[in-house]
């Protein structure tokens, strides 16, 4: 038996992973708005997007449609670009939905190969260039950038290498971050300058009169 060779997809680990739910879907061919992403399906073996589910109703009601990953041209910060209107399949007419719903992984623990729990999954974000899993968001707000080739995705546990323990990042509120402190200090300086300017103006007004 000849083993099938799958060429590895090039990864850019500095690329920001993006969420999919709620994004507007626009077609490349017609420039038409199809609807908003309602649910996401992942291929747990390839660790990449397999399909998206959407509805034309902004409230998520009404008839549901499916778009397979091969018909997605681009994942942008605000909009998802699909090839054309014909790529949207009515869910009622689909023979099967490829992959596993993202919702299946929500609440699943991420555990290292030595048995240390890193957190509980709240969301999974994808790399725009290849639609592969790029980042796991935990329920407590912490984040973990992952290499899809190094993780195992199961419906009961997601396994990662032991060195991922040091890769969990705490999302710091802006007020606590360096940039937040600098902006806060800048606001203080501006307020001080404004107050001093007013005081000088009042003093000059009294002196003149």
N, C-alpha and C. Protein backbone atom coordinates (compact mmCIF):
# COMPACT_ATOMS: atom_id res chain seq x y z
N UNK A 1 0.85 -1.20 0.00
CA UNK A 1 0.00 0.00 0.00
C UNK A 1 0.88 1.24 0.00
N UNK A 2 0.63 2.13 -0.94
CA UNK A 2 1.42 3.35 -1.04
C UNK A 2 0.79 4.41 -0.15
N UNK A 3 1.59 4.96 0.75
CA UNK A 3 1.08 6.00 1.64
C UNK A 3 0.93 7.31 0.88
N UNK A 4 -0.18 7.96 1.11
CA UNK A 4 -0.43 9.25 0.46
C UNK A 4 0.40 10.33 1.14
N UNK A 5 1.11 11.10 0.33
CA UNK A 5 1.93 12.18 0.88
C UNK A 5 1.13 13.47 0.85
N UNK A 6 0.97 14.06 2.00
CA UNK A 6 0.26 15.33 2.08
C UNK A 6 1.27 16.42 2.36
N UNK A 7 1.41 17.34 1.43
CA UNK A 7 2.38 18.42 1.60
C UNK A 7 1.94 19.33 2.74
N UNK A 8 2.82 19.57 3.70
CA UNK A 8 2.44 20.41 4.84
C UNK A 8 2.14 21.83 4.40
N UNK A 9 1.14 22.43 5.02
CA UNK A 9 0.79 23.80 4.71
C UNK A 9 1.75 24.74 5.42
N UNK A 10 2.17 25.77 4.72
CA UNK A 10 3.09 26.73 5.31
C UNK A 10 2.38 27.53 6.40
N UNK A 11 3.03 27.67 7.53
CA UNK A 11 2.43 28.38 8.65
C UNK A 11 3.11 29.73 8.87
N UNK A 12 2.33 30.70 9.25
CA UNK A 12 2.87 32.01 9.64
C UNK A 12 2.41 32.25 11.08
N UNK A 13 3.31 32.01 12.02
CA UNK A 13 2.92 32.08 13.42
C UNK A 13 2.83 33.51 13.95
N UNK A 14 3.17 34.49 13.10
CA UNK A 14 3.03 35.88 13.50
C UNK A 14 1.72 36.46 12.97
N UNK A 15 1.00 35.64 12.21
CA UNK A 15 -0.27 36.07 11.65
C UNK A 15 -1.35 36.01 12.73
N UNK A 16 -2.13 37.06 12.83
CA UNK A 16 -3.17 37.09 13.85
C UNK A 16 -4.32 36.16 13.47
N UNK A 17 -4.68 35.28 14.39
CA UNK A 17 -5.82 34.39 14.16
C UNK A 17 -7.10 35.20 14.34
N UNK A 18 -8.13 34.83 13.58
CA UNK A 18 -9.37 35.60 13.60
C UNK A 18 -10.56 34.72 13.93
N UNK A 19 -11.56 35.29 14.61
CA UNK A 19 -12.80 34.56 14.86
C UNK A 19 -13.66 34.56 13.60
N UNK A 20 -14.62 33.65 13.52
CA UNK A 20 -15.48 33.56 12.34
C UNK A 20 -16.94 33.90 12.63
N UNK A 21 -17.42 33.52 13.78
CA UNK A 21 -18.84 33.70 14.07
C UNK A 21 -19.25 35.16 13.99
N UNK A 22 -20.38 35.38 13.31
CA UNK A 22 -20.92 36.73 13.20
C UNK A 22 -20.39 37.53 12.03
N UNK A 23 -19.38 37.02 11.33
CA UNK A 23 -18.83 37.77 10.20
C UNK A 23 -19.81 37.80 9.02
N UNK A 24 -19.83 38.93 8.31
CA UNK A 24 -20.63 39.04 7.10
C UNK A 24 -19.99 38.18 6.01
N UNK A 25 -20.83 37.56 5.19
CA UNK A 25 -20.35 36.75 4.06
C UNK A 25 -20.70 37.48 2.77
N UNK A 26 -19.68 37.79 1.98
CA UNK A 26 -19.88 38.50 0.71
C UNK A 26 -19.27 37.67 -0.41
N UNK A 27 -19.94 37.62 -1.56
CA UNK A 27 -19.42 36.83 -2.68
C UNK A 27 -18.43 37.64 -3.50
N UNK A 28 -17.39 36.96 -3.97
CA UNK A 28 -16.37 37.61 -4.78
C UNK A 28 -16.89 37.93 -6.18
N UNK A 29 -17.69 37.04 -6.73
CA UNK A 29 -18.15 37.20 -8.11
C UNK A 29 -19.23 38.29 -8.24
N UNK A 30 -20.22 38.27 -7.34
CA UNK A 30 -21.34 39.20 -7.47
C UNK A 30 -21.28 40.39 -6.51
N UNK A 31 -20.43 40.29 -5.49
CA UNK A 31 -20.42 41.35 -4.47
C UNK A 31 -21.69 41.37 -3.66
N UNK A 32 -22.31 40.19 -3.51
CA UNK A 32 -23.58 40.09 -2.80
C UNK A 32 -23.37 39.65 -1.35
N UNK A 33 -24.20 40.18 -0.47
CA UNK A 33 -24.15 39.78 0.93
C UNK A 33 -25.05 38.57 1.12
N UNK A 34 -24.45 37.42 1.47
CA UNK A 34 -25.23 36.19 1.61
C UNK A 34 -25.87 36.07 2.99
N UNK A 35 -25.19 36.57 4.00
CA UNK A 35 -25.68 36.44 5.37
C UNK A 35 -24.53 36.56 6.35
N UNK A 36 -24.73 36.09 7.57
CA UNK A 36 -23.71 36.15 8.60
C UNK A 36 -23.40 34.74 9.11
N UNK A 37 -22.13 34.50 9.42
CA UNK A 37 -21.71 33.18 9.90
C UNK A 37 -22.42 32.85 11.21
N UNK A 38 -23.07 31.71 11.23
CA UNK A 38 -23.83 31.28 12.40
C UNK A 38 -23.07 30.20 13.18
N UNK A 39 -22.44 29.29 12.45
CA UNK A 39 -21.68 28.23 13.10
C UNK A 39 -20.51 27.84 12.21
N UNK A 40 -19.52 27.22 12.83
CA UNK A 40 -18.28 26.86 12.14
C UNK A 40 -18.02 25.37 12.32
N UNK A 41 -17.56 24.72 11.26
CA UNK A 41 -17.23 23.30 11.33
C UNK A 41 -15.74 23.11 11.04
N UNK A 42 -15.11 22.28 11.86
CA UNK A 42 -13.67 22.06 11.76
C UNK A 42 -13.37 20.61 11.40
N UNK A 43 -12.29 20.42 10.65
CA UNK A 43 -11.77 19.09 10.38
C UNK A 43 -10.76 18.80 11.49
N UNK A 44 -11.08 17.92 12.44
CA UNK A 44 -10.18 17.70 13.58
C UNK A 44 -8.88 16.99 13.22
N UNK A 45 -8.82 16.40 12.03
CA UNK A 45 -7.59 15.74 11.59
C UNK A 45 -6.64 16.76 10.95
N UNK A 46 -7.17 17.55 10.02
CA UNK A 46 -6.36 18.58 9.36
C UNK A 46 -6.23 19.83 10.21
N UNK A 47 -7.07 19.93 11.27
CA UNK A 47 -7.10 21.09 12.16
C UNK A 47 -7.32 22.38 11.38
N UNK A 48 -8.31 22.33 10.52
CA UNK A 48 -8.64 23.51 9.73
C UNK A 48 -10.14 23.58 9.49
N UNK A 49 -10.57 24.71 8.96
CA UNK A 49 -11.98 24.90 8.67
C UNK A 49 -12.45 23.91 7.61
N UNK A 50 -13.63 23.35 7.81
CA UNK A 50 -14.20 22.45 6.80
C UNK A 50 -15.46 23.04 6.18
N UNK A 51 -16.21 23.83 6.95
CA UNK A 51 -17.44 24.44 6.41
C UNK A 51 -17.95 25.50 7.37
N UNK A 52 -18.82 26.36 6.85
CA UNK A 52 -19.50 27.33 7.70
C UNK A 52 -21.00 27.22 7.47
N UNK A 53 -21.74 27.51 8.50
CA UNK A 53 -23.20 27.51 8.43
C UNK A 53 -23.67 28.94 8.60
N UNK A 54 -24.62 29.36 7.77
CA UNK A 54 -25.10 30.74 7.91
C UNK A 54 -26.58 30.82 7.60
N UNK A 55 -27.16 31.91 8.01
CA UNK A 55 -28.55 32.21 7.71
C UNK A 55 -28.63 33.63 7.20
N UNK A 56 -29.61 33.91 6.38
CA UNK A 56 -29.75 35.26 5.82
C UNK A 56 -30.39 36.22 6.81
N UNK A 57 -30.93 35.66 7.89
CA UNK A 57 -31.56 36.49 8.91
C UNK A 57 -30.52 36.87 9.96
N UNK A 58 -30.42 38.15 10.26
CA UNK A 58 -29.42 38.64 11.21
C UNK A 58 -29.61 38.06 12.61
N UNK A 59 -30.82 37.61 12.91
CA UNK A 59 -31.11 37.05 14.23
C UNK A 59 -30.84 35.55 14.29
N UNK A 60 -30.35 34.98 13.17
CA UNK A 60 -30.05 33.56 13.14
C UNK A 60 -31.27 32.69 12.92
N UNK A 61 -32.36 33.30 12.48
CA UNK A 61 -33.58 32.55 12.23
C UNK A 61 -33.75 32.34 10.72
N UNK A 62 -34.65 31.46 10.36
CA UNK A 62 -34.92 31.22 8.95
C UNK A 62 -34.09 30.08 8.39
N UNK A 63 -34.13 29.93 7.07
CA UNK A 63 -33.46 28.81 6.40
C UNK A 63 -31.94 28.92 6.54
N UNK A 64 -31.31 27.78 6.76
CA UNK A 64 -29.86 27.74 6.96
C UNK A 64 -29.16 27.23 5.71
N UNK A 65 -27.95 27.77 5.48
CA UNK A 65 -27.17 27.41 4.30
C UNK A 65 -25.76 26.99 4.74
N UNK A 66 -25.11 26.24 3.86
CA UNK A 66 -23.78 25.70 4.14
C UNK A 66 -22.82 26.12 3.03
N UNK A 67 -21.60 26.50 3.40
CA UNK A 67 -20.54 26.76 2.42
C UNK A 67 -19.32 25.94 2.82
N UNK A 68 -18.84 25.11 1.90
CA UNK A 68 -17.65 24.31 2.18
C UNK A 68 -16.39 25.18 2.11
N UNK A 69 -15.36 24.76 2.82
CA UNK A 69 -14.14 25.56 2.96
C UNK A 69 -13.48 25.87 1.62
N UNK A 70 -13.58 24.95 0.65
CA UNK A 70 -12.92 25.19 -0.64
C UNK A 70 -13.54 26.35 -1.41
N UNK A 71 -14.72 26.78 -1.00
CA UNK A 71 -15.38 27.91 -1.66
C UNK A 71 -15.19 29.23 -0.91
N UNK A 72 -14.34 29.20 0.09
CA UNK A 72 -14.03 30.43 0.83
C UNK A 72 -12.73 31.01 0.28
N UNK A 73 -12.83 32.21 -0.25
CA UNK A 73 -11.68 32.84 -0.91
C UNK A 73 -10.79 33.59 0.08
N UNK A 74 -11.38 34.18 1.09
CA UNK A 74 -10.59 34.97 2.04
C UNK A 74 -11.33 35.14 3.35
N UNK A 75 -10.54 35.18 4.43
CA UNK A 75 -11.07 35.47 5.76
C UNK A 75 -10.48 36.79 6.19
N UNK A 76 -11.31 37.82 6.21
CA UNK A 76 -10.83 39.14 6.58
C UNK A 76 -11.20 39.50 8.00
N UNK A 77 -10.71 40.64 8.43
CA UNK A 77 -10.97 41.08 9.80
C UNK A 77 -12.46 41.32 10.04
N UNK A 78 -13.16 41.79 8.99
CA UNK A 78 -14.58 42.13 9.14
C UNK A 78 -15.50 41.27 8.29
N UNK A 79 -14.99 40.77 7.16
CA UNK A 79 -15.84 40.09 6.18
C UNK A 79 -15.19 38.79 5.72
N UNK A 80 -16.03 37.78 5.47
CA UNK A 80 -15.58 36.53 4.88
C UNK A 80 -16.00 36.54 3.41
N UNK A 81 -15.05 36.27 2.51
CA UNK A 81 -15.32 36.30 1.08
C UNK A 81 -15.52 34.89 0.55
N UNK A 82 -16.71 34.63 0.00
CA UNK A 82 -17.01 33.34 -0.64
C UNK A 82 -16.94 33.51 -2.15
N UNK A 83 -16.82 32.42 -2.87
CA UNK A 83 -16.61 32.50 -4.32
C UNK A 83 -17.80 33.13 -5.06
N UNK A 84 -18.99 32.56 -4.91
CA UNK A 84 -20.17 33.11 -5.58
C UNK A 84 -21.44 32.59 -4.90
N UNK A 85 -22.57 33.04 -5.38
CA UNK A 85 -23.85 32.67 -4.76
C UNK A 85 -24.12 31.17 -4.84
N UNK A 86 -23.65 30.54 -5.92
CA UNK A 86 -23.97 29.13 -6.14
C UNK A 86 -23.28 28.19 -5.14
N UNK A 87 -22.29 28.69 -4.41
CA UNK A 87 -21.57 27.83 -3.47
C UNK A 87 -22.37 27.60 -2.18
N UNK A 88 -23.43 28.38 -1.99
CA UNK A 88 -24.26 28.23 -0.80
C UNK A 88 -25.26 27.09 -1.01
N UNK A 89 -25.17 26.07 -0.16
CA UNK A 89 -26.04 24.90 -0.25
C UNK A 89 -27.07 24.95 0.87
N UNK A 90 -28.32 24.71 0.54
CA UNK A 90 -29.35 24.64 1.59
C UNK A 90 -29.02 23.49 2.53
N UNK A 91 -29.07 23.76 3.82
CA UNK A 91 -28.75 22.72 4.80
C UNK A 91 -29.68 21.53 4.65
N UNK A 92 -30.92 21.79 4.30
CA UNK A 92 -31.91 20.71 4.15
C UNK A 92 -31.58 19.81 2.97
N UNK A 93 -30.75 20.31 2.02
CA UNK A 93 -30.40 19.53 0.84
C UNK A 93 -29.00 18.91 0.93
N UNK A 94 -28.26 19.25 1.97
CA UNK A 94 -26.91 18.72 2.13
C UNK A 94 -26.96 17.27 2.60
N UNK A 95 -26.18 16.42 1.95
CA UNK A 95 -26.17 15.00 2.33
C UNK A 95 -25.46 14.80 3.67
N UNK A 96 -24.46 15.64 3.94
CA UNK A 96 -23.76 15.59 5.21
C UNK A 96 -23.03 16.91 5.45
N UNK A 97 -22.75 17.18 6.70
CA UNK A 97 -21.97 18.36 7.04
C UNK A 97 -20.55 17.90 7.34
N UNK A 98 -19.58 18.37 6.56
CA UNK A 98 -18.21 17.92 6.79
C UNK A 98 -17.63 18.47 8.09
N UNK A 99 -16.91 17.63 8.81
CA UNK A 99 -16.24 18.10 10.00
C UNK A 99 -17.10 18.04 11.26
N UNK A 100 -16.58 18.69 12.30
CA UNK A 100 -17.22 18.70 13.62
C UNK A 100 -17.52 20.15 13.99
N UNK A 101 -18.69 20.39 14.54
CA UNK A 101 -19.09 21.75 14.90
C UNK A 101 -18.15 22.32 15.95
N UNK A 102 -17.80 23.59 15.79
CA UNK A 102 -16.94 24.27 16.76
C UNK A 102 -17.54 24.19 18.16
N UNK A 103 -18.86 24.22 18.22
CA UNK A 103 -19.57 24.15 19.50
C UNK A 103 -19.22 22.88 20.26
N UNK A 104 -18.84 21.83 19.53
CA UNK A 104 -18.48 20.55 20.15
C UNK A 104 -17.25 20.70 21.05
N UNK A 105 -16.34 21.60 20.65
CA UNK A 105 -15.09 21.77 21.40
C UNK A 105 -15.22 22.79 22.54
N UNK A 106 -16.31 23.53 22.54
CA UNK A 106 -16.52 24.51 23.60
C UNK A 106 -16.74 23.77 24.92
N UNK A 107 -15.94 24.09 25.92
CA UNK A 107 -16.04 23.41 27.21
C UNK A 107 -15.08 22.24 27.36
N UNK A 108 -14.35 21.91 26.26
CA UNK A 108 -13.38 20.81 26.31
C UNK A 108 -12.07 21.31 26.93
N UNK A 109 -11.43 20.48 27.73
CA UNK A 109 -10.17 20.86 28.37
C UNK A 109 -8.99 20.67 27.42
N UNK A 110 -8.05 21.61 27.50
CA UNK A 110 -6.78 21.49 26.77
C UNK A 110 -5.76 20.96 27.77
N UNK A 111 -5.16 19.83 27.44
CA UNK A 111 -4.27 19.13 28.37
C UNK A 111 -2.94 18.83 27.70
N UNK A 112 -1.85 18.97 28.44
CA UNK A 112 -0.53 18.63 27.89
C UNK A 112 -0.36 17.12 27.87
N UNK A 113 0.66 16.67 27.15
CA UNK A 113 0.92 15.23 27.04
C UNK A 113 1.39 14.62 28.36
N UNK A 114 1.72 15.48 29.32
CA UNK A 114 2.08 14.98 30.65
C UNK A 114 0.92 15.14 31.64
N UNK A 115 -0.25 15.51 31.11
CA UNK A 115 -1.46 15.51 31.93
C UNK A 115 -1.76 16.79 32.69
N UNK A 116 -1.19 17.92 32.28
CA UNK A 116 -1.49 19.19 32.95
C UNK A 116 -2.59 19.92 32.18
N UNK A 117 -3.65 20.31 32.88
CA UNK A 117 -4.73 21.06 32.24
C UNK A 117 -4.34 22.53 32.10
N UNK A 118 -4.47 23.05 30.88
CA UNK A 118 -4.12 24.45 30.63
C UNK A 118 -5.33 25.37 30.65
N UNK A 119 -6.50 24.82 30.39
CA UNK A 119 -7.69 25.64 30.39
C UNK A 119 -8.84 24.96 29.68
N UNK A 120 -9.98 25.63 29.68
CA UNK A 120 -11.19 25.11 29.04
C UNK A 120 -11.52 25.98 27.83
N UNK A 121 -11.76 25.35 26.70
CA UNK A 121 -11.96 26.07 25.44
C UNK A 121 -13.26 26.87 25.45
N UNK A 122 -13.14 28.14 25.06
CA UNK A 122 -14.31 28.99 24.86
C UNK A 122 -14.50 29.27 23.37
N UNK A 123 -13.39 29.40 22.64
CA UNK A 123 -13.47 29.68 21.21
C UNK A 123 -12.17 29.23 20.54
N UNK A 124 -12.25 29.02 19.24
CA UNK A 124 -11.08 28.66 18.44
C UNK A 124 -11.02 29.63 17.26
N UNK A 125 -9.85 30.22 17.04
CA UNK A 125 -9.69 31.18 15.95
C UNK A 125 -8.76 30.61 14.88
N UNK A 126 -8.94 31.10 13.65
CA UNK A 126 -8.25 30.54 12.50
C UNK A 126 -7.28 31.52 11.86
N UNK A 127 -6.25 30.98 11.21
CA UNK A 127 -5.31 31.81 10.47
C UNK A 127 -5.92 32.13 9.10
N UNK A 128 -5.99 33.40 8.74
CA UNK A 128 -6.63 33.79 7.47
C UNK A 128 -5.97 33.19 6.23
N UNK A 129 -4.66 32.97 6.27
CA UNK A 129 -3.95 32.53 5.06
C UNK A 129 -4.26 31.10 4.66
N UNK A 130 -4.56 30.23 5.63
CA UNK A 130 -4.81 28.83 5.29
C UNK A 130 -6.00 28.21 6.03
N UNK A 131 -6.70 29.03 6.82
CA UNK A 131 -7.91 28.59 7.53
C UNK A 131 -7.64 27.45 8.51
N UNK A 132 -6.38 27.34 8.96
CA UNK A 132 -6.04 26.35 9.97
C UNK A 132 -6.16 26.96 11.37
N UNK A 133 -6.30 26.10 12.35
CA UNK A 133 -6.42 26.57 13.73
C UNK A 133 -5.16 27.33 14.13
N UNK A 134 -5.34 28.52 14.66
CA UNK A 134 -4.19 29.34 15.03
C UNK A 134 -4.14 29.67 16.50
N UNK A 135 -5.31 29.74 17.13
CA UNK A 135 -5.33 30.17 18.52
C UNK A 135 -6.54 29.60 19.25
N UNK A 136 -6.31 29.20 20.49
CA UNK A 136 -7.39 28.72 21.34
C UNK A 136 -7.64 29.77 22.42
N UNK A 137 -8.91 30.14 22.58
CA UNK A 137 -9.30 31.11 23.61
C UNK A 137 -9.94 30.34 24.76
N UNK A 138 -9.44 30.56 25.97
CA UNK A 138 -9.96 29.85 27.13
C UNK A 138 -11.10 30.64 27.78
N UNK A 139 -11.88 29.95 28.61
CA UNK A 139 -13.01 30.58 29.28
C UNK A 139 -12.60 31.72 30.20
N UNK A 140 -11.38 31.64 30.74
CA UNK A 140 -10.92 32.69 31.66
C UNK A 140 -10.25 33.85 30.93
N UNK A 141 -10.33 33.84 29.58
CA UNK A 141 -9.78 34.94 28.81
C UNK A 141 -8.35 34.74 28.36
N UNK A 142 -7.69 33.69 28.85
CA UNK A 142 -6.32 33.42 28.43
C UNK A 142 -6.33 32.88 27.00
N UNK A 143 -5.17 33.00 26.33
CA UNK A 143 -5.08 32.59 24.92
C UNK A 143 -3.87 31.68 24.73
N UNK A 144 -3.97 30.81 23.74
CA UNK A 144 -2.87 29.89 23.44
C UNK A 144 -2.70 29.79 21.93
N UNK A 145 -1.57 30.29 21.42
CA UNK A 145 -1.26 30.14 20.00
C UNK A 145 -0.73 28.72 19.79
N UNK A 146 -1.27 28.04 18.78
CA UNK A 146 -0.92 26.64 18.58
C UNK A 146 -0.38 26.39 17.17
N UNK A 147 0.44 25.35 17.08
CA UNK A 147 0.88 24.81 15.79
C UNK A 147 -0.04 23.62 15.51
N UNK A 148 -0.88 23.69 14.48
CA UNK A 148 -1.85 22.62 14.23
C UNK A 148 -1.23 21.23 14.10
N UNK A 149 0.02 21.18 13.63
CA UNK A 149 0.66 19.88 13.44
C UNK A 149 1.09 19.24 14.76
N UNK A 150 1.03 20.00 15.86
CA UNK A 150 1.50 19.50 17.14
C UNK A 150 0.38 19.11 18.10
N UNK A 151 -0.87 19.35 17.71
CA UNK A 151 -1.97 19.11 18.65
C UNK A 151 -2.88 17.98 18.17
N UNK A 152 -3.57 17.38 19.12
CA UNK A 152 -4.57 16.35 18.83
C UNK A 152 -5.92 16.87 19.29
N UNK A 153 -6.89 16.86 18.38
CA UNK A 153 -8.21 17.39 18.71
C UNK A 153 -9.22 16.26 18.86
N UNK A 154 -9.67 16.05 20.07
CA UNK A 154 -10.72 15.08 20.33
C UNK A 154 -11.93 15.78 20.91
N UNK A 155 -13.06 15.12 20.89
CA UNK A 155 -14.28 15.73 21.42
C UNK A 155 -14.29 15.74 22.95
N UNK A 156 -13.36 14.99 23.57
CA UNK A 156 -13.29 14.95 25.03
C UNK A 156 -12.05 15.67 25.58
N UNK A 157 -11.03 15.82 24.74
CA UNK A 157 -9.82 16.51 25.18
C UNK A 157 -9.02 16.96 23.96
N UNK A 158 -8.34 18.09 24.11
CA UNK A 158 -7.39 18.56 23.11
C UNK A 158 -6.01 18.45 23.73
N UNK A 159 -5.14 17.67 23.10
CA UNK A 159 -3.81 17.41 23.65
C UNK A 159 -2.76 18.27 22.97
N UNK A 160 -1.88 18.86 23.78
CA UNK A 160 -0.82 19.73 23.26
C UNK A 160 0.51 19.33 23.90
N UNK A 161 1.65 19.70 23.28
CA UNK A 161 2.95 19.38 23.87
C UNK A 161 3.12 20.04 25.24
N UNK A 162 4.01 19.48 26.05
CA UNK A 162 4.23 19.97 27.41
C UNK A 162 4.73 21.41 27.42
N UNK A 163 5.54 21.80 26.41
CA UNK A 163 6.09 23.16 26.43
C UNK A 163 5.04 24.23 26.16
N UNK A 164 3.81 23.83 25.83
CA UNK A 164 2.74 24.80 25.64
C UNK A 164 2.33 25.44 26.96
N UNK A 165 2.75 24.83 28.06
CA UNK A 165 2.44 25.39 29.38
C UNK A 165 2.93 26.83 29.49
N UNK A 166 4.09 27.10 28.90
CA UNK A 166 4.67 28.44 28.98
C UNK A 166 4.15 29.37 27.88
N UNK A 167 3.30 28.85 27.00
CA UNK A 167 2.81 29.66 25.88
C UNK A 167 1.43 30.26 26.14
N UNK A 168 0.82 29.89 27.26
CA UNK A 168 -0.49 30.46 27.59
C UNK A 168 -0.30 31.93 27.94
N UNK A 169 -1.05 32.78 27.27
CA UNK A 169 -0.91 34.23 27.45
C UNK A 169 -2.13 34.78 28.16
N UNK A 170 -1.89 35.59 29.18
CA UNK A 170 -2.99 36.26 29.87
C UNK A 170 -3.30 37.54 29.12
N UNK A 171 -4.56 37.70 28.73
CA UNK A 171 -4.96 38.91 28.02
C UNK A 171 -5.10 40.04 29.03
N UNK A 172 -4.15 40.95 28.99
CA UNK A 172 -4.11 42.03 29.97
C UNK A 172 -5.02 43.16 29.53
N UNK A 173 -5.82 43.65 30.46
CA UNK A 173 -6.68 44.80 30.15
C UNK A 173 -5.81 45.99 29.83
N UNK A 174 -6.31 46.87 28.94
CA UNK A 174 -5.49 47.99 28.50
C UNK A 174 -5.05 48.85 29.67
N UNK A 175 -5.91 48.98 30.70
CA UNK A 175 -5.57 49.82 31.84
C UNK A 175 -4.39 49.26 32.62
N UNK A 176 -4.14 47.93 32.48
CA UNK A 176 -3.06 47.29 33.21
C UNK A 176 -1.82 47.12 32.34
N UNK A 177 -1.95 47.29 31.02
CA UNK A 177 -0.83 47.08 30.12
C UNK A 177 0.07 48.30 30.08
N UNK A 178 1.26 48.13 29.51
CA UNK A 178 2.19 49.25 29.39
C UNK A 178 1.57 50.36 28.56
N UNK A 179 0.94 49.99 27.42
CA UNK A 179 0.32 51.01 26.57
C UNK A 179 -0.80 51.71 27.32
N UNK A 180 -1.56 50.94 28.10
CA UNK A 180 -2.64 51.54 28.87
C UNK A 180 -2.12 52.54 29.89
N UNK A 181 -1.02 52.17 30.57
CA UNK A 181 -0.44 53.07 31.57
C UNK A 181 0.10 54.34 30.92
N UNK A 182 0.72 54.18 29.73
CA UNK A 182 1.24 55.35 29.02
C UNK A 182 0.11 56.30 28.61
N UNK A 183 -0.99 55.70 28.12
CA UNK A 183 -2.13 56.54 27.71
C UNK A 183 -2.75 57.23 28.92
N UNK A 184 -2.80 56.51 30.04
CA UNK A 184 -3.34 57.10 31.26
C UNK A 184 -2.47 58.27 31.71
N UNK A 185 -1.14 58.08 31.64
CA UNK A 185 -0.22 59.14 32.04
C UNK A 185 -0.34 60.34 31.10
N UNK A 186 -0.53 60.04 29.80
CA UNK A 186 -0.69 61.12 28.83
C UNK A 186 -1.93 61.95 29.14
N UNK A 187 -3.03 61.25 29.50
CA UNK A 187 -4.25 61.97 29.85
C UNK A 187 -4.04 62.83 31.08
N UNK A 188 -3.27 62.33 32.06
CA UNK A 188 -2.97 63.11 33.26
C UNK A 188 -2.20 64.37 32.91
N UNK A 189 -1.19 64.22 32.03
CA UNK A 189 -0.39 65.38 31.62
C UNK A 189 -1.26 66.42 30.92
N UNK A 190 -2.13 65.94 30.03
CA UNK A 190 -3.00 66.88 29.30
C UNK A 190 -3.93 67.61 30.25
N UNK A 191 -4.48 66.88 31.21
CA UNK A 191 -5.37 67.51 32.19
C UNK A 191 -4.62 68.54 33.03
N UNK A 192 -3.37 68.20 33.39
CA UNK A 192 -2.55 69.12 34.18
C UNK A 192 -2.25 70.39 33.39
N UNK A 193 -1.87 70.22 32.11
CA UNK A 193 -1.58 71.38 31.26
C UNK A 193 -2.82 72.24 31.09
N UNK A 194 -3.97 71.60 30.90
CA UNK A 194 -5.23 72.34 30.74
C UNK A 194 -5.54 73.14 31.99
N UNK A 195 -5.37 72.51 33.17
CA UNK A 195 -5.64 73.20 34.44
C UNK A 195 -4.69 74.38 34.62
N UNK A 196 -3.41 74.16 34.32
CA UNK A 196 -2.42 75.24 34.47
C UNK A 196 -2.73 76.39 33.51
N UNK A 197 -3.15 76.06 32.30
CA UNK A 197 -3.48 77.09 31.31
C UNK A 197 -4.65 77.94 31.79
N UNK A 198 -5.65 77.27 32.37
CA UNK A 198 -6.80 78.00 32.90
C UNK A 198 -6.40 78.92 34.05
N UNK A 199 -5.52 78.41 34.93
CA UNK A 199 -5.07 79.22 36.06
C UNK A 199 -4.31 80.46 35.59
N UNK A 200 -3.43 80.25 34.58
CA UNK A 200 -2.68 81.39 34.03
C UNK A 200 -3.62 82.40 33.40
N UNK A 201 -4.63 81.88 32.69
CA UNK A 201 -5.60 82.76 32.04
C UNK A 201 -6.36 83.59 33.06
N UNK A 202 -6.77 82.95 34.16
CA UNK A 202 -7.48 83.69 35.21
C UNK A 202 -6.58 84.74 35.85
N UNK A 203 -5.31 84.37 36.10
CA UNK A 203 -4.36 85.30 36.72
C UNK A 203 -4.13 86.52 35.84
N UNK A 204 -3.96 86.26 34.52
CA UNK A 204 -3.73 87.36 33.58
C UNK A 204 -4.95 88.26 33.50
N UNK A 205 -6.14 87.64 33.55
CA UNK A 205 -7.38 88.42 33.48
C UNK A 205 -7.50 89.34 34.69
N UNK A 206 -7.16 88.83 35.88
CA UNK A 206 -7.22 89.66 37.08
C UNK A 206 -6.18 90.77 37.05
N UNK A 207 -4.99 90.45 36.51
CA UNK A 207 -3.89 91.43 36.45
C UNK A 207 -4.24 92.58 35.52
N UNK A 208 -4.83 92.24 34.37
CA UNK A 208 -5.18 93.27 33.38
C UNK A 208 -6.26 94.19 33.92
N UNK A 209 -7.23 93.61 34.62
CA UNK A 209 -8.33 94.42 35.14
C UNK A 209 -7.99 95.03 36.49
